[in-house]
Amino acid sequence: MENPNIKTKVVHSVSKAAWNVIGTSIGKKYKIARVPYIIIKDNEVFTEIEKSEALRHAKFISECFNNK
């Protein structure tokens, strides 16, 4: 990737079980990545583990763009 100059942040998806890495600059690419997680019915512990792991991955992706 050549000099991306993209500042990003992590937000939760409105319609899906996923974290989105989005650009914050106007006129740049908006959604950089989607990091989905699995919702396990009747087991909130594993769902929270999946959600927190996906959040860690999304934050890593975002930091890679912000601190090139």
PDB file of N, CA and C in Angstrom:
ATOM      1  N   MET A   1       0.851  -1.174   0.000  1.00  0.00           N
ATOM      2  CA  MET A   1       0.000   0.000   0.000  1.00  0.00           C
ATOM      3  C   MET A   1       0.895   1.235   0.000  1.00  0.00           C
ATOM      4  N   GLU A   2       0.607   2.153  -0.847  1.00  0.00           N
ATOM      5  CA  GLU A   2       1.420   3.351  -0.974  1.00  0.00           C
ATOM      6  C   GLU A   2       0.849   4.492  -0.148  1.00  0.00           C
ATOM      7  N   ASN A   3       1.565   4.920   0.874  1.00  0.00           N
ATOM      8  CA  ASN A   3       1.248   6.096   1.677  1.00  0.00           C
ATOM      9  C   ASN A   3      -0.259   6.318   1.846  1.00  0.00           C
ATOM     10  N   PRO A   4      -0.943   5.530   2.669  1.00  0.00           N
ATOM     11  CA  PRO A   4      -2.398   5.616   2.751  1.00  0.00           C
ATOM     12  C   PRO A   4      -2.933   6.931   3.317  1.00  0.00           C
ATOM     13  N   ASN A   5      -2.227   7.566   4.259  1.00  0.00           N
ATOM     14  CA  ASN A   5      -2.701   8.811   4.876  1.00  0.00           C
ATOM     15  C   ASN A   5      -4.174   8.737   5.266  1.00  0.00           C
ATOM     16  N   ILE A   6      -4.561   7.680   5.933  1.00  0.00           N
ATOM     17  CA  ILE A   6      -5.939   7.485   6.359  1.00  0.00           C
ATOM     18  C   ILE A   6      -5.972   7.433   7.877  1.00  0.00           C
ATOM     19  N   LYS A   7      -6.778   8.263   8.475  1.00  0.00           N
ATOM     20  CA  LYS A   7      -7.023   8.199   9.917  1.00  0.00           C
ATOM     21  C   LYS A   7      -8.315   7.425  10.124  1.00  0.00           C
ATOM     22  N   THR A   8      -8.310   6.487  11.056  1.00  0.00           N
ATOM     23  CA  THR A   8      -9.453   5.600  11.238  1.00  0.00           C
ATOM     24  C   THR A   8      -9.909   5.562  12.693  1.00  0.00           C
ATOM     25  N   LYS A   9     -11.113   5.014  12.880  1.00  0.00           N
ATOM     26  CA  LYS A   9     -11.633   4.739  14.214  1.00  0.00           C
ATOM     27  C   LYS A   9     -12.480   3.473  14.132  1.00  0.00           C
ATOM     28  N   VAL A  10     -12.756   2.880  15.289  1.00  0.00           N
ATOM     29  CA  VAL A  10     -13.523   1.635  15.366  1.00  0.00           C
ATOM     30  C   VAL A  10     -14.912   1.957  15.909  1.00  0.00           C
ATOM     31  N   VAL A  11     -15.949   1.489  15.196  1.00  0.00           N
ATOM     32  CA  VAL A  11     -17.336   1.650  15.634  1.00  0.00           C
ATOM     33  C   VAL A  11     -18.059   0.319  15.467  1.00  0.00           C
ATOM     34  N   HIS A  12     -19.120   0.140  16.231  1.00  0.00           N
ATOM     35  CA  HIS A  12     -19.897  -1.088  16.098  1.00  0.00           C
ATOM     36  C   HIS A  12     -20.877  -0.930  14.937  1.00  0.00           C
ATOM     37  N   SER A  13     -21.072  -2.002  14.189  1.00  0.00           N
ATOM     38  CA  SER A  13     -21.996  -1.995  13.054  1.00  0.00           C
ATOM     39  C   SER A  13     -23.430  -1.837  13.551  1.00  0.00           C
ATOM     40  N   VAL A  14     -24.233  -1.094  12.813  1.00  0.00           N
ATOM     41  CA  VAL A  14     -25.626  -0.871  13.177  1.00  0.00           C
ATOM     42  C   VAL A  14     -26.470  -2.109  12.894  1.00  0.00           C
ATOM     43  N   SER A  15     -26.198  -2.799  11.791  1.00  0.00           N
ATOM     44  CA  SER A  15     -27.074  -3.884  11.359  1.00  0.00           C
ATOM     45  C   SER A  15     -26.483  -5.283  11.507  1.00  0.00           C
ATOM     46  N   LYS A  16     -25.196  -5.398  11.815  1.00  0.00           N
ATOM     47  CA  LYS A  16     -24.560  -6.707  11.873  1.00  0.00           C
ATOM     48  C   LYS A  16     -23.804  -6.885  13.182  1.00  0.00           C
ATOM     49  N   ALA A  17     -23.497  -8.131  13.512  1.00  0.00           N
ATOM     50  CA  ALA A  17     -22.668  -8.426  14.675  1.00  0.00           C
ATOM     51  C   ALA A  17     -21.214  -8.295  14.240  1.00  0.00           C
ATOM     52  N   ALA A  18     -20.736  -7.059  14.204  1.00  0.00           N
ATOM     53  CA  ALA A  18     -19.382  -6.806  13.713  1.00  0.00           C
ATOM     54  C   ALA A  18     -18.901  -5.435  14.173  1.00  0.00           C
ATOM     55  N   TRP A  19     -17.583  -5.295  14.189  1.00  0.00           N
ATOM     56  CA  TRP A  19     -16.942  -4.006  14.415  1.00  0.00           C
ATOM     57  C   TRP A  19     -16.451  -3.502  13.066  1.00  0.00           C
ATOM     58  N   ASN A  20     -16.637  -2.216  12.798  1.00  0.00           N
ATOM     59  CA  ASN A  20     -16.188  -1.620  11.545  1.00  0.00           C
ATOM     60  C   ASN A  20     -15.024  -0.676  11.812  1.00  0.00           C
ATOM     61  N   VAL A  21     -14.028  -0.745  10.957  1.00  0.00           N
ATOM     62  CA  VAL A  21     -12.932   0.225  10.966  1.00  0.00           C
ATOM     63  C   VAL A  21     -13.262   1.204   9.855  1.00  0.00           C
ATOM     64  N   ILE A  22     -13.495   2.466  10.238  1.00  0.00           N
ATOM     65  CA  ILE A  22     -13.922   3.466   9.260  1.00  0.00           C
ATOM     66  C   ILE A  22     -12.948   4.634   9.225  1.00  0.00           C
ATOM     67  N   GLY A  23     -12.874   5.258   8.073  1.00  0.00           N
ATOM     68  CA  GLY A  23     -12.044   6.443   7.924  1.00  0.00           C
ATOM     69  C   GLY A  23     -12.739   7.658   8.503  1.00  0.00           C
ATOM     70  N   THR A  24     -11.960   8.599   9.050  1.00  0.00           N
ATOM     71  CA  THR A  24     -12.532   9.798   9.651  1.00  0.00           C
ATOM     72  C   THR A  24     -12.408  11.031   8.771  1.00  0.00           C
ATOM     73  N   SER A  25     -11.636  10.947   7.691  1.00  0.00           N
ATOM     74  CA  SER A  25     -11.431  12.096   6.814  1.00  0.00           C
ATOM     75  C   SER A  25     -12.515  12.161   5.748  1.00  0.00           C
ATOM     76  N   ILE A  26     -13.018  13.348   5.504  1.00  0.00           N
ATOM     77  CA  ILE A  26     -14.021  13.548   4.467  1.00  0.00           C
ATOM     78  C   ILE A  26     -13.364  13.377   3.108  1.00  0.00           C
ATOM     79  N   GLY A  27     -14.031  12.645   2.233  1.00  0.00           N
ATOM     80  CA  GLY A  27     -13.524  12.436   0.881  1.00  0.00           C
ATOM     81  C   GLY A  27     -12.632  11.222   0.728  1.00  0.00           C
ATOM     82  N   LYS A  28     -12.330  10.546   1.810  1.00  0.00           N
ATOM     83  CA  LYS A  28     -11.513   9.325   1.750  1.00  0.00           C
ATOM     84  C   LYS A  28     -12.433   8.113   1.818  1.00  0.00           C
ATOM     85  N   LYS A  29     -11.853   6.942   1.655  1.00  0.00           N
ATOM     86  CA  LYS A  29     -12.628   5.707   1.751  1.00  0.00           C
ATOM     87  C   LYS A  29     -13.237   5.605   3.149  1.00  0.00           C
ATOM     88  N   TYR A  30     -14.552   5.290   3.215  1.00  0.00           N
ATOM     89  CA  TYR A  30     -15.250   5.307   4.497  1.00  0.00           C
ATOM     90  C   TYR A  30     -15.007   4.031   5.297  1.00  0.00           C
ATOM     91  N   LYS A  31     -15.422   2.857   4.775  1.00  0.00           N
ATOM     92  CA  LYS A  31     -15.251   1.616   5.517  1.00  0.00           C
ATOM     93  C   LYS A  31     -13.981   0.919   5.059  1.00  0.00           C
ATOM     94  N   ILE A  32     -13.074   0.729   5.992  1.00  0.00           N
ATOM     95  CA  ILE A  32     -11.799   0.102   5.703  1.00  0.00           C
ATOM     96  C   ILE A  32     -11.898  -1.412   5.886  1.00  0.00           C
ATOM     97  N   ALA A  33     -12.538  -1.836   6.999  1.00  0.00           N
ATOM     98  CA  ALA A  33     -12.635  -3.270   7.290  1.00  0.00           C
ATOM     99  C   ALA A  33     -13.858  -3.545   8.158  1.00  0.00           C
ATOM    100  N   ARG A  34     -14.370  -4.771   8.033  1.00  0.00           N
ATOM    101  CA  ARG A  34     -15.433  -5.261   8.913  1.00  0.00           C
ATOM    102  C   ARG A  34     -14.884  -6.480   9.627  1.00  0.00           C
ATOM    103  N   VAL A  35     -14.988  -6.486  10.959  1.00  0.00           N
ATOM    104  CA  VAL A  35     -14.509  -7.610  11.763  1.00  0.00           C
ATOM    105  C   VAL A  35     -15.723  -8.224  12.457  1.00  0.00           C
ATOM    106  N   PRO A  36     -16.258  -9.314  11.903  1.00  0.00           N
ATOM    107  CA  PRO A  36     -17.461  -9.921  12.481  1.00  0.00           C
ATOM    108  C   PRO A  36     -17.144 -10.799  13.689  1.00  0.00           C
ATOM    109  N   TYR A  37     -18.164 -11.041  14.496  1.00  0.00           N
ATOM    110  CA  TYR A  37     -18.047 -11.996  15.591  1.00  0.00           C
ATOM    111  C   TYR A  37     -19.317 -12.826  15.643  1.00  0.00           C
ATOM    112  N   ILE A  38     -19.228 -13.978  16.298  1.00  0.00           N
ATOM    113  CA  ILE A  38     -20.340 -14.920  16.348  1.00  0.00           C
ATOM    114  C   ILE A  38     -21.123 -14.711  17.635  1.00  0.00           C
ATOM    115  N   ILE A  39     -22.441 -14.648  17.510  1.00  0.00           N
ATOM    116  CA  ILE A  39     -23.315 -14.589  18.678  1.00  0.00           C
ATOM    117  C   ILE A  39     -23.757 -16.016  18.976  1.00  0.00           C
ATOM    118  N   ILE A  40     -23.373 -16.509  20.141  1.00  0.00           N
ATOM    119  CA  ILE A  40     -23.706 -17.868  20.548  1.00  0.00           C
ATOM    120  C   ILE A  40     -24.907 -17.792  21.478  1.00  0.00           C
ATOM    121  N   LYS A  41     -26.034 -18.303  21.008  1.00  0.00           N
ATOM    122  CA  LYS A  41     -27.260 -18.236  21.791  1.00  0.00           C
ATOM    123  C   LYS A  41     -27.121 -19.067  23.059  1.00  0.00           C
ATOM    124  N   ASP A  42     -27.736 -18.616  24.115  1.00  0.00           N
ATOM    125  CA  ASP A  42     -27.749 -19.285  25.418  1.00  0.00           C
ATOM    126  C   ASP A  42     -26.382 -19.369  26.068  1.00  0.00           C
ATOM    127  N   ASN A  43     -25.422 -18.581  25.607  1.00  0.00           N
ATOM    128  CA  ASN A  43     -24.112 -18.578  26.238  1.00  0.00           C
ATOM    129  C   ASN A  43     -23.487 -17.186  26.105  1.00  0.00           C
ATOM    130  N   GLU A  44     -23.784 -16.328  27.056  1.00  0.00           N
ATOM    131  CA  GLU A  44     -23.307 -14.948  27.000  1.00  0.00           C
ATOM    132  C   GLU A  44     -21.803 -14.848  27.213  1.00  0.00           C
ATOM    133  N   VAL A  45     -21.225 -15.800  27.938  1.00  0.00           N
ATOM    134  CA  VAL A  45     -19.792 -15.752  28.210  1.00  0.00           C
ATOM    135  C   VAL A  45     -18.992 -15.897  26.916  1.00  0.00           C
ATOM    136  N   PHE A  46     -19.305 -16.913  26.111  1.00  0.00           N
ATOM    137  CA  PHE A  46     -18.584 -17.102  24.857  1.00  0.00           C
ATOM    138  C   PHE A  46     -18.872 -15.982  23.864  1.00  0.00           C
ATOM    139  N   THR A  47     -20.084 -15.446  23.885  1.00  0.00           N
ATOM    140  CA  THR A  47     -20.407 -14.320  23.011  1.00  0.00           C
ATOM    141  C   THR A  47     -19.552 -13.107  23.364  1.00  0.00           C
ATOM    142  N   GLU A  48     -19.396 -12.825  24.653  1.00  0.00           N
ATOM    143  CA  GLU A  48     -18.560 -11.694  25.078  1.00  0.00           C
ATOM    144  C   GLU A  48     -17.095 -11.924  24.733  1.00  0.00           C
ATOM    145  N   ILE A  49     -16.637 -13.158  24.833  1.00  0.00           N
ATOM    146  CA  ILE A  49     -15.257 -13.472  24.453  1.00  0.00           C
ATOM    147  C   ILE A  49     -15.062 -13.215  22.963  1.00  0.00           C
ATOM    148  N   GLU A  50     -15.990 -13.689  22.132  1.00  0.00           N
ATOM    149  CA  GLU A  50     -15.927 -13.472  20.683  1.00  0.00           C
ATOM    150  C   GLU A  50     -15.946 -11.980  20.360  1.00  0.00           C
ATOM    151  N   LYS A  51     -16.831 -11.246  21.025  1.00  0.00           N
ATOM    152  CA  LYS A  51     -16.987  -9.806  20.766  1.00  0.00           C
ATOM    153  C   LYS A  51     -15.716  -9.046  21.150  1.00  0.00           C
ATOM    154  N   SER A  52     -15.139  -9.385  22.310  1.00  0.00           N
ATOM    155  CA  SER A  52     -13.931  -8.676  22.744  1.00  0.00           C
ATOM    156  C   SER A  52     -12.732  -9.013  21.867  1.00  0.00           C
ATOM    157  N   GLU A  53     -12.642 -10.255  21.392  1.00  0.00           N
ATOM    158  CA  GLU A  53     -11.554 -10.625  20.491  1.00  0.00           C
ATOM    159  C   GLU A  53     -11.677  -9.890  19.158  1.00  0.00           C
ATOM    160  N   ALA A  54     -12.887  -9.794  18.642  1.00  0.00           N
ATOM    161  CA  ALA A  54     -13.104  -9.059  17.396  1.00  0.00           C
ATOM    162  C   ALA A  54     -12.769  -7.583  17.577  1.00  0.00           C
ATOM    163  N   LEU A  55     -13.094  -7.025  18.732  1.00  0.00           N
ATOM    164  CA  LEU A  55     -12.766  -5.620  19.006  1.00  0.00           C
ATOM    165  C   LEU A  55     -11.249  -5.424  19.045  1.00  0.00           C
ATOM    166  N   ARG A  56     -10.528  -6.345  19.667  1.00  0.00           N
ATOM    167  CA  ARG A  56      -9.062  -6.251  19.689  1.00  0.00           C
ATOM    168  C   ARG A  56      -8.488  -6.276  18.281  1.00  0.00           C
ATOM    169  N   HIS A  57      -9.023  -7.139  17.424  1.00  0.00           N
ATOM    170  CA  HIS A  57      -8.543  -7.209  16.040  1.00  0.00           C
ATOM    171  C   HIS A  57      -8.851  -5.925  15.286  1.00  0.00           C
ATOM    172  N   ALA A  58     -10.051  -5.380  15.475  1.00  0.00           N
ATOM    173  CA  ALA A  58     -10.425  -4.135  14.800  1.00  0.00           C
ATOM    174  C   ALA A  58      -9.536  -2.977  15.264  1.00  0.00           C
ATOM    175  N   LYS A  59      -9.246  -2.923  16.561  1.00  0.00           N
ATOM    176  CA  LYS A  59      -8.367  -1.861  17.070  1.00  0.00           C
ATOM    177  C   LYS A  59      -6.959  -1.995  16.513  1.00  0.00           C
ATOM    178  N   PHE A  60      -6.495  -3.227  16.343  1.00  0.00           N
ATOM    179  CA  PHE A  60      -5.174  -3.447  15.755  1.00  0.00           C
ATOM    180  C   PHE A  60      -5.122  -2.927  14.318  1.00  0.00           C
ATOM    181  N   ILE A  61      -6.143  -3.254  13.540  1.00  0.00           N
ATOM    182  CA  ILE A  61      -6.205  -2.785  12.149  1.00  0.00           C
ATOM    183  C   ILE A  61      -6.214  -1.258  12.108  1.00  0.00           C
ATOM    184  N   SER A  62      -7.013  -0.666  12.986  1.00  0.00           N
ATOM    185  CA  SER A  62      -7.104   0.792  13.024  1.00  0.00           C
ATOM    186  C   SER A  62      -5.762   1.411  13.405  1.00  0.00           C
ATOM    187  N   GLU A  63      -5.083   0.848  14.381  1.00  0.00           N
ATOM    188  CA  GLU A  63      -3.778   1.377  14.798  1.00  0.00           C
ATOM    189  C   GLU A  63      -2.735   1.259  13.688  1.00  0.00           C
ATOM    190  N   CYS A  64      -2.837   0.212  12.889  1.00  0.00           N
ATOM    191  CA  CYS A  64      -1.905   0.059  11.764  1.00  0.00           C
ATOM    192  C   CYS A  64      -2.039   1.221  10.777  1.00  0.00           C
ATOM    193  N   PHE A  65      -3.250   1.681  10.547  1.00  0.00           N
ATOM    194  CA  PHE A  65      -3.449   2.813   9.647  1.00  0.00           C
ATOM    195  C   PHE A  65      -3.055   4.131  10.321  1.00  0.00           C
ATOM    196  N   ASN A  66      -3.392   4.291  11.596  1.00  0.00           N
ATOM    197  CA  ASN A  66      -3.139   5.553  12.282  1.00  0.00           C
ATOM    198  C   ASN A  66      -1.685   5.785  12.604  1.00  0.00           C
ATOM    199  N   ASN A  67      -0.917   4.716  12.783  1.00  0.00           N
ATOM    200  CA  ASN A  67       0.502   4.838  13.172  1.00  0.00           C
ATOM    201  C   ASN A  67       1.401   4.182  12.149  1.00  0.00           C
ATOM    202  N   LYS A  68       1.281   4.607  10.911  1.00  0.00           N
ATOM    203  CA  LYS A  68       2.063   3.986   9.834  1.00  0.00           C
ATOM    204  C   LYS A  68       3.538   4.314   9.954  1.00  0.00           C
TER     205      LYS A  68
END
